[in-house]
Amino acid sequence: MRFSDFKIGQRLGAAFGLLVLMTMAWAKLGLQQLRKIQDDLDTVVNDNHVKSELAHQMNESSSRASPARWCSRGNRCSRTA
């Protein structure tokens, strides 16, 4: 039995069913990608951002203890070459 042997209603119904299945497949793929993006965002926020904050704090604390910064405030300091 060929596809052209079916009545028009059956052909339209089959085409509509195929479109529904394709739409569901695309929706599933989209949801999977959104989950992956969410996981990547969680990694950035919970891991990379924390490391960046700690590096920033370390940089700030080391620059506060730096003799060059202390001398630049107008305090007397002796520099040895």
PDB file of N, CA and C in Angstrom:
ATOM      1  N   MET A   1       0.853  -1.178   0.000  1.00  0.00           N
ATOM      2  CA  MET A   1       0.000   0.000   0.000  1.00  0.00           C
ATOM      3  C   MET A   1       0.895   1.236   0.000  1.00  0.00           C
ATOM      4  N   ARG A   2       0.701   2.111  -0.945  1.00  0.00           N
ATOM      5  CA  ARG A   2       1.488   3.329  -1.075  1.00  0.00           C
ATOM      6  C   ARG A   2       0.825   4.468  -0.320  1.00  0.00           C
ATOM      7  N   PHE A   3       1.637   5.483  -0.038  1.00  0.00           N
ATOM      8  CA  PHE A   3       1.141   6.640   0.702  1.00  0.00           C
ATOM      9  C   PHE A   3       0.040   7.352  -0.081  1.00  0.00           C
ATOM     10  N   SER A   4       0.139   7.361  -1.381  1.00  0.00           N
ATOM     11  CA  SER A   4      -0.863   8.048  -2.201  1.00  0.00           C
ATOM     12  C   SER A   4      -2.195   7.308  -2.222  1.00  0.00           C
ATOM     13  N   ASP A   5      -2.211   6.051  -1.777  1.00  0.00           N
ATOM     14  CA  ASP A   5      -3.460   5.296  -1.726  1.00  0.00           C
ATOM     15  C   ASP A   5      -4.338   5.689  -0.540  1.00  0.00           C
ATOM     16  N   PHE A   6      -3.766   6.351   0.444  1.00  0.00           N
ATOM     17  CA  PHE A   6      -4.552   6.785   1.596  1.00  0.00           C
ATOM     18  C   PHE A   6      -5.428   7.974   1.222  1.00  0.00           C
ATOM     19  N   LYS A   7      -6.535   8.117   1.960  1.00  0.00           N
ATOM     20  CA  LYS A   7      -7.408   9.269   1.741  1.00  0.00           C
ATOM     21  C   LYS A   7      -6.716  10.527   2.247  1.00  0.00           C
ATOM     22  N   ILE A   8      -7.191  11.660   1.805  1.00  0.00           N
ATOM     23  CA  ILE A   8      -6.564  12.940   2.149  1.00  0.00           C
ATOM     24  C   ILE A   8      -6.562  13.173   3.656  1.00  0.00           C
ATOM     25  N   GLY A   9      -7.610  12.801   4.340  1.00  0.00           N
ATOM     26  CA  GLY A   9      -7.687  12.970   5.792  1.00  0.00           C
ATOM     27  C   GLY A   9      -6.619  12.145   6.503  1.00  0.00           C
ATOM     28  N   GLN A  10      -6.393  10.942   6.031  1.00  0.00           N
ATOM     29  CA  GLN A  10      -5.377  10.085   6.636  1.00  0.00           C
ATOM     30  C   GLN A  10      -3.975  10.642   6.379  1.00  0.00           C
ATOM     31  N   ARG A  11      -3.759  11.144   5.168  1.00  0.00           N
ATOM     32  CA  ARG A  11      -2.453  11.732   4.853  1.00  0.00           C
ATOM     33  C   ARG A  11      -2.199  12.983   5.690  1.00  0.00           C
ATOM     34  N   LEU A  12      -3.226  13.833   5.808  1.00  0.00           N
ATOM     35  CA  LEU A  12      -3.075  15.030   6.634  1.00  0.00           C
ATOM     36  C   LEU A  12      -2.845  14.667   8.102  1.00  0.00           C
ATOM     37  N   GLY A  13      -3.562  13.657   8.575  1.00  0.00           N
ATOM     38  CA  GLY A  13      -3.390  13.205   9.956  1.00  0.00           C
ATOM     39  C   GLY A  13      -1.984  12.657  10.190  1.00  0.00           C
ATOM     40  N   ALA A  14      -1.477  11.899   9.251  1.00  0.00           N
ATOM     41  CA  ALA A  14      -0.129  11.356   9.372  1.00  0.00           C
ATOM     42  C   ALA A  14       0.910  12.478   9.350  1.00  0.00           C
ATOM     43  N   ALA A  15       0.720  13.458   8.475  1.00  0.00           N
ATOM     44  CA  ALA A  15       1.647  14.588   8.398  1.00  0.00           C
ATOM     45  C   ALA A  15       1.602  15.402   9.696  1.00  0.00           C
ATOM     46  N   PHE A  16       0.406  15.607  10.227  1.00  0.00           N
ATOM     47  CA  PHE A  16       0.276  16.350  11.477  1.00  0.00           C
ATOM     48  C   PHE A  16       0.939  15.577  12.618  1.00  0.00           C
ATOM     49  N   GLY A  17       0.722  14.279  12.669  1.00  0.00           N
ATOM     50  CA  GLY A  17       1.354  13.453  13.693  1.00  0.00           C
ATOM     51  C   GLY A  17       2.879  13.515  13.605  1.00  0.00           C
ATOM     52  N   LEU A  18       3.396  13.508  12.389  1.00  0.00           N
ATOM     53  CA  LEU A  18       4.838  13.622  12.194  1.00  0.00           C
ATOM     54  C   LEU A  18       5.347  14.974  12.688  1.00  0.00           C
ATOM     55  N   LEU A  19       4.602  16.035  12.410  1.00  0.00           N
ATOM     56  CA  LEU A  19       4.985  17.364  12.889  1.00  0.00           C
ATOM     57  C   LEU A  19       4.967  17.431  14.413  1.00  0.00           C
ATOM     58  N   VAL A  20       3.992  16.812  15.034  1.00  0.00           N
ATOM     59  CA  VAL A  20       3.913  16.795  16.498  1.00  0.00           C
ATOM     60  C   VAL A  20       5.112  16.052  17.076  1.00  0.00           C
ATOM     61  N   LEU A  21       5.459  14.903  16.483  1.00  0.00           N
ATOM     62  CA  LEU A  21       6.613  14.147  16.960  1.00  0.00           C
ATOM     63  C   LEU A  21       7.908  14.932  16.788  1.00  0.00           C
ATOM     64  N   MET A  22       8.053  15.613  15.670  1.00  0.00           N
ATOM     65  CA  MET A  22       9.254  16.422  15.447  1.00  0.00           C
ATOM     66  C   MET A  22       9.328  17.580  16.448  1.00  0.00           C
ATOM     67  N   THR A  23       8.187  18.199  16.719  1.00  0.00           N
ATOM     68  CA  THR A  23       8.145  19.298  17.689  1.00  0.00           C
ATOM     69  C   THR A  23       8.525  18.807  19.080  1.00  0.00           C
ATOM     70  N   MET A  24       8.043  17.635  19.451  1.00  0.00           N
ATOM     71  CA  MET A  24       8.390  17.076  20.755  1.00  0.00           C
ATOM     72  C   MET A  24       9.887  16.752  20.834  1.00  0.00           C
ATOM     73  N   ALA A  25      10.457  16.251  19.744  1.00  0.00           N
ATOM     74  CA  ALA A  25      11.890  15.946  19.726  1.00  0.00           C
ATOM     75  C   ALA A  25      12.714  17.228  19.874  1.00  0.00           C
ATOM     76  N   TRP A  26      12.324  18.287  19.169  1.00  0.00           N
ATOM     77  CA  TRP A  26      13.039  19.564  19.281  1.00  0.00           C
ATOM     78  C   TRP A  26      12.903  20.146  20.684  1.00  0.00           C
ATOM     79  N   ALA A  27      11.721  20.007  21.288  1.00  0.00           N
ATOM     80  CA  ALA A  27      11.517  20.512  22.642  1.00  0.00           C
ATOM     81  C   ALA A  27      12.405  19.761  23.636  1.00  0.00           C
ATOM     82  N   LYS A  28      12.488  18.441  23.476  1.00  0.00           N
ATOM     83  CA  LYS A  28      13.347  17.653  24.370  1.00  0.00           C
ATOM     84  C   LYS A  28      14.804  18.068  24.206  1.00  0.00           C
ATOM     85  N   LEU A  29      15.239  18.245  22.983  1.00  0.00           N
ATOM     86  CA  LEU A  29      16.610  18.674  22.728  1.00  0.00           C
ATOM     87  C   LEU A  29      16.871  20.053  23.341  1.00  0.00           C
ATOM     88  N   GLY A  30      15.925  20.950  23.199  1.00  0.00           N
ATOM     89  CA  GLY A  30      16.058  22.291  23.773  1.00  0.00           C
ATOM     90  C   GLY A  30      16.145  22.256  25.288  1.00  0.00           C
ATOM     91  N   LEU A  31      15.340  21.422  25.934  1.00  0.00           N
ATOM     92  CA  LEU A  31      15.380  21.310  27.393  1.00  0.00           C
ATOM     93  C   LEU A  31      16.704  20.718  27.867  1.00  0.00           C
ATOM     94  N   GLN A  32      17.224  19.751  27.119  1.00  0.00           N
ATOM     95  CA  GLN A  32      18.523  19.185  27.477  1.00  0.00           C
ATOM     96  C   GLN A  32      19.617  20.247  27.392  1.00  0.00           C
ATOM     97  N   GLN A  33      19.569  21.068  26.358  1.00  0.00           N
ATOM     98  CA  GLN A  33      20.569  22.124  26.208  1.00  0.00           C
ATOM     99  C   GLN A  33      20.429  23.171  27.309  1.00  0.00           C
ATOM    100  N   LEU A  34      19.206  23.488  27.695  1.00  0.00           N
ATOM    101  CA  LEU A  34      18.997  24.441  28.788  1.00  0.00           C
ATOM    102  C   LEU A  34      19.548  23.903  30.104  1.00  0.00           C
ATOM    103  N   ARG A  35      19.383  22.593  30.341  1.00  0.00           N
ATOM    104  CA  ARG A  35      19.945  21.988  31.551  1.00  0.00           C
ATOM    105  C   ARG A  35      21.468  22.070  31.527  1.00  0.00           C
ATOM    106  N   LYS A  36      22.069  21.817  30.373  1.00  0.00           N
ATOM    107  CA  LYS A  36      23.522  21.888  30.253  1.00  0.00           C
ATOM    108  C   LYS A  36      24.005  23.316  30.499  1.00  0.00           C
ATOM    109  N   ILE A  37      23.299  24.293  29.938  1.00  0.00           N
ATOM    110  CA  ILE A  37      23.656  25.694  30.156  1.00  0.00           C
ATOM    111  C   ILE A  37      23.532  26.049  31.633  1.00  0.00           C
ATOM    112  N   GLN A  38      22.482  25.571  32.289  1.00  0.00           N
ATOM    113  CA  GLN A  38      22.296  25.837  33.722  1.00  0.00           C
ATOM    114  C   GLN A  38      23.426  25.224  34.534  1.00  0.00           C
ATOM    115  N   ASP A  39      23.833  24.007  34.192  1.00  0.00           N
ATOM    116  CA  ASP A  39      24.945  23.370  34.898  1.00  0.00           C
ATOM    117  C   ASP A  39      26.231  24.158  34.701  1.00  0.00           C
ATOM    118  N   ASP A  40      26.469  24.624  33.471  1.00  0.00           N
ATOM    119  CA  ASP A  40      27.665  25.428  33.199  1.00  0.00           C
ATOM    120  C   ASP A  40      27.624  26.743  33.975  1.00  0.00           C
ATOM    121  N   LEU A  41      26.463  27.359  34.053  1.00  0.00           N
ATOM    122  CA  LEU A  41      26.318  28.606  34.797  1.00  0.00           C
ATOM    123  C   LEU A  41      26.554  28.377  36.285  1.00  0.00           C
ATOM    124  N   ASP A  42      26.046  27.274  36.805  1.00  0.00           N
ATOM    125  CA  ASP A  42      26.291  26.946  38.220  1.00  0.00           C
ATOM    126  C   ASP A  42      27.786  26.779  38.482  1.00  0.00           C
ATOM    127  N   THR A  43      28.493  26.148  37.547  1.00  0.00           N
ATOM    128  CA  THR A  43      29.934  25.984  37.698  1.00  0.00           C
ATOM    129  C   THR A  43      30.633  27.335  37.724  1.00  0.00           C
ATOM    130  N   VAL A  44      30.215  28.225  36.840  1.00  0.00           N
ATOM    131  CA  VAL A  44      30.835  29.548  36.792  1.00  0.00           C
ATOM    132  C   VAL A  44      30.575  30.303  38.092  1.00  0.00           C
ATOM    133  N   VAL A  45      29.348  30.283  38.549  1.00  0.00           N
ATOM    134  CA  VAL A  45      28.987  31.054  39.736  1.00  0.00           C
ATOM    135  C   VAL A  45      29.569  30.445  41.004  1.00  0.00           C
ATOM    136  N   ASN A  46      29.464  29.139  41.158  1.00  0.00           N
ATOM    137  CA  ASN A  46      29.858  28.504  42.412  1.00  0.00           C
ATOM    138  C   ASN A  46      31.340  28.136  42.473  1.00  0.00           C
ATOM    139  N   ASP A  47      32.006  28.040  41.348  1.00  0.00           N
ATOM    140  CA  ASP A  47      33.407  27.632  41.353  1.00  0.00           C
ATOM    141  C   ASP A  47      34.311  28.755  40.868  1.00  0.00           C
ATOM    142  N   ASN A  48      34.113  29.185  39.649  1.00  0.00           N
ATOM    143  CA  ASN A  48      35.004  30.185  39.065  1.00  0.00           C
ATOM    144  C   ASN A  48      34.877  31.539  39.755  1.00  0.00           C
ATOM    145  N   HIS A  49      33.660  31.944  40.087  1.00  0.00           N
ATOM    146  CA  HIS A  49      33.470  33.240  40.725  1.00  0.00           C
ATOM    147  C   HIS A  49      34.093  33.257  42.116  1.00  0.00           C
ATOM    148  N   VAL A  50      33.977  32.147  42.839  1.00  0.00           N
ATOM    149  CA  VAL A  50      34.563  32.062  44.173  1.00  0.00           C
ATOM    150  C   VAL A  50      36.080  32.199  44.074  1.00  0.00           C
ATOM    151  N   LYS A  51      36.678  31.501  43.098  1.00  0.00           N
ATOM    152  CA  LYS A  51      38.127  31.601  42.911  1.00  0.00           C
ATOM    153  C   LYS A  51      38.525  33.020  42.530  1.00  0.00           C
ATOM    154  N   SER A  52      37.736  33.652  41.705  1.00  0.00           N
ATOM    155  CA  SER A  52      38.021  35.027  41.300  1.00  0.00           C
ATOM    156  C   SER A  52      37.934  35.967  42.497  1.00  0.00           C
ATOM    157  N   GLU A  53      36.938  35.789  43.334  1.00  0.00           N
ATOM    158  CA  GLU A  53      36.788  36.619  44.541  1.00  0.00           C
ATOM    159  C   GLU A  53      37.976  36.422  45.470  1.00  0.00           C
ATOM    160  N   LEU A  54      38.401  35.180  45.665  1.00  0.00           N
ATOM    161  CA  LEU A  54      39.543  34.916  46.536  1.00  0.00           C
ATOM    162  C   LEU A  54      40.814  35.540  45.970  1.00  0.00           C
ATOM    163  N   ALA A  55      40.999  35.454  44.662  1.00  0.00           N
ATOM    164  CA  ALA A  55      42.169  36.070  44.039  1.00  0.00           C
ATOM    165  C   ALA A  55      42.133  37.585  44.212  1.00  0.00           C
ATOM    166  N   HIS A  56      40.970  38.176  44.094  1.00  0.00           N
ATOM    167  CA  HIS A  56      40.812  39.615  44.280  1.00  0.00           C
ATOM    168  C   HIS A  56      41.154  40.006  45.724  1.00  0.00           C
ATOM    169  N   GLN A  57      40.667  39.226  46.681  1.00  0.00           N
ATOM    170  CA  GLN A  57      40.974  39.501  48.088  1.00  0.00           C
ATOM    171  C   GLN A  57      42.465  39.372  48.362  1.00  0.00           C
ATOM    172  N   MET A  58      43.096  38.355  47.771  1.00  0.00           N
ATOM    173  CA  MET A  58      44.540  38.183  47.956  1.00  0.00           C
ATOM    174  C   MET A  58      45.296  39.367  47.361  1.00  0.00           C
ATOM    175  N   ASN A  59      44.861  39.820  46.201  1.00  0.00           N
ATOM    176  CA  ASN A  59      45.505  40.956  45.552  1.00  0.00           C
ATOM    177  C   ASN A  59      45.365  42.216  46.409  1.00  0.00           C
ATOM    178  N   GLU A  60      44.174  42.440  46.940  1.00  0.00           N
ATOM    179  CA  GLU A  60      43.940  43.602  47.797  1.00  0.00           C
ATOM    180  C   GLU A  60      44.784  43.541  49.060  1.00  0.00           C
ATOM    181  N   SER A  61      44.848  42.384  49.695  1.00  0.00           N
ATOM    182  CA  SER A  61      45.604  42.297  50.938  1.00  0.00           C
ATOM    183  C   SER A  61      47.104  42.417  50.683  1.00  0.00           C
ATOM    184  N   SER A  62      47.578  41.912  49.557  1.00  0.00           N
ATOM    185  CA  SER A  62      49.010  42.042  49.271  1.00  0.00           C
ATOM    186  C   SER A  62      49.357  43.471  48.882  1.00  0.00           C
ATOM    187  N   SER A  63      48.458  44.174  48.225  1.00  0.00           N
ATOM    188  CA  SER A  63      48.756  45.554  47.856  1.00  0.00           C
ATOM    189  C   SER A  63      48.692  46.473  49.072  1.00  0.00           C
ATOM    190  N   ARG A  64      47.899  46.121  50.075  1.00  0.00           N
ATOM    191  CA  ARG A  64      47.864  46.914  51.311  1.00  0.00           C
ATOM    192  C   ARG A  64      49.164  46.756  52.094  1.00  0.00           C
ATOM    193  N   ALA A  65      49.767  45.602  52.018  1.00  0.00           N
ATOM    194  CA  ALA A  65      51.001  45.345  52.752  1.00  0.00           C
ATOM    195  C   ALA A  65      52.236  45.731  51.946  1.00  0.00           C
ATOM    196  N   SER A  66      52.060  46.199  50.749  1.00  0.00           N
ATOM    197  CA  SER A  66      53.177  46.521  49.874  1.00  0.00           C
ATOM    198  C   SER A  66      53.896  47.781  50.331  1.00  0.00           C
ATOM    199  N   PRO A  67      55.224  47.738  50.423  1.00  0.00           N
ATOM    200  CA  PRO A  67      55.973  48.945  50.811  1.00  0.00           C
ATOM    201  C   PRO A  67      55.800  50.066  49.793  1.00  0.00           C
ATOM    202  N   ALA A  68      55.676  49.732  48.540  1.00  0.00           N
ATOM    203  CA  ALA A  68      55.514  50.775  47.521  1.00  0.00           C
ATOM    204  C   ALA A  68      54.244  51.571  47.774  1.00  0.00           C
ATOM    205  N   ARG A  69      53.192  50.928  48.174  1.00  0.00           N
ATOM    206  CA  ARG A  69      51.951  51.645  48.455  1.00  0.00           C
ATOM    207  C   ARG A  69      52.091  52.471  49.724  1.00  0.00           C
ATOM    208  N   TRP A  70      52.781  51.943  50.715  1.00  0.00           N
ATOM    209  CA  TRP A  70      52.983  52.672  51.964  1.00  0.00           C
ATOM    210  C   TRP A  70      53.798  53.923  51.703  1.00  0.00           C
ATOM    211  N   CYS A  71      54.847  53.797  50.849  1.00  0.00           N
ATOM    212  CA  CYS A  71      55.687  54.943  50.529  1.00  0.00           C
ATOM    213  C   CYS A  71      54.928  55.967  49.688  1.00  0.00           C
ATOM    214  N   SER A  72      54.016  55.526  48.896  1.00  0.00           N
ATOM    215  CA  SER A  72      53.302  56.454  48.017  1.00  0.00           C
ATOM    216  C   SER A  72      52.304  57.314  48.782  1.00  0.00           C
ATOM    217  N   ARG A  73      52.064  56.992  50.025  1.00  0.00           N
ATOM    218  CA  ARG A  73      51.127  57.786  50.834  1.00  0.00           C
ATOM    219  C   ARG A  73      51.813  58.997  51.471  1.00  0.00           C
ATOM    220  N   GLY A  74      53.073  59.222  51.154  1.00  0.00           N
ATOM    221  CA  GLY A  74      53.764  60.374  51.704  1.00  0.00           C
ATOM    222  C   GLY A  74      54.597  60.032  52.910  1.00  0.00           C
ATOM    223  N   ASN A  75      54.673  58.774  53.277  1.00  0.00           N
ATOM    224  CA  ASN A  75      55.504  58.358  54.405  1.00  0.00           C
ATOM    225  C   ASN A  75      56.953  58.286  53.966  1.00  0.00           C
ATOM    226  N   ARG A  76      57.830  58.414  54.910  1.00  0.00           N
ATOM    227  CA  ARG A  76      59.252  58.292  54.581  1.00  0.00           C
ATOM    228  C   ARG A  76      59.584  56.840  54.400  1.00  0.00           C
ATOM    229  N   CYS A  77      60.297  56.550  53.375  1.00  0.00           N
ATOM    230  CA  CYS A  77      60.764  55.204  53.189  1.00  0.00           C
ATOM    231  C   CYS A  77      62.089  55.235  52.466  1.00  0.00           C
ATOM    232  N   SER A  78      62.888  54.270  52.748  1.00  0.00           N
ATOM    233  CA  SER A  78      64.187  54.252  52.064  1.00  0.00           C
ATOM    234  C   SER A  78      64.175  53.098  51.086  1.00  0.00           C
ATOM    235  N   ARG A  79      64.588  53.408  49.904  1.00  0.00           N
ATOM    236  CA  ARG A  79      64.635  52.377  48.869  1.00  0.00           C
ATOM    237  C   ARG A  79      66.079  51.979  48.669  1.00  0.00           C
ATOM    238  N   THR A  80      66.280  50.705  48.645  1.00  0.00           N
ATOM    239  CA  THR A  80      67.625  50.201  48.383  1.00  0.00           C
ATOM    240  C   THR A  80      67.635  49.583  47.011  1.00  0.00           C
ATOM    241  N   ALA A  81      68.674  49.855  46.282  1.00  0.00           N
ATOM    242  CA  ALA A  81      68.757  49.342  44.927  1.00  0.00           C
ATOM    243  C   ALA A  81      69.417  47.991  44.899  1.00  0.00           C
TER     244      ALA A  81
END
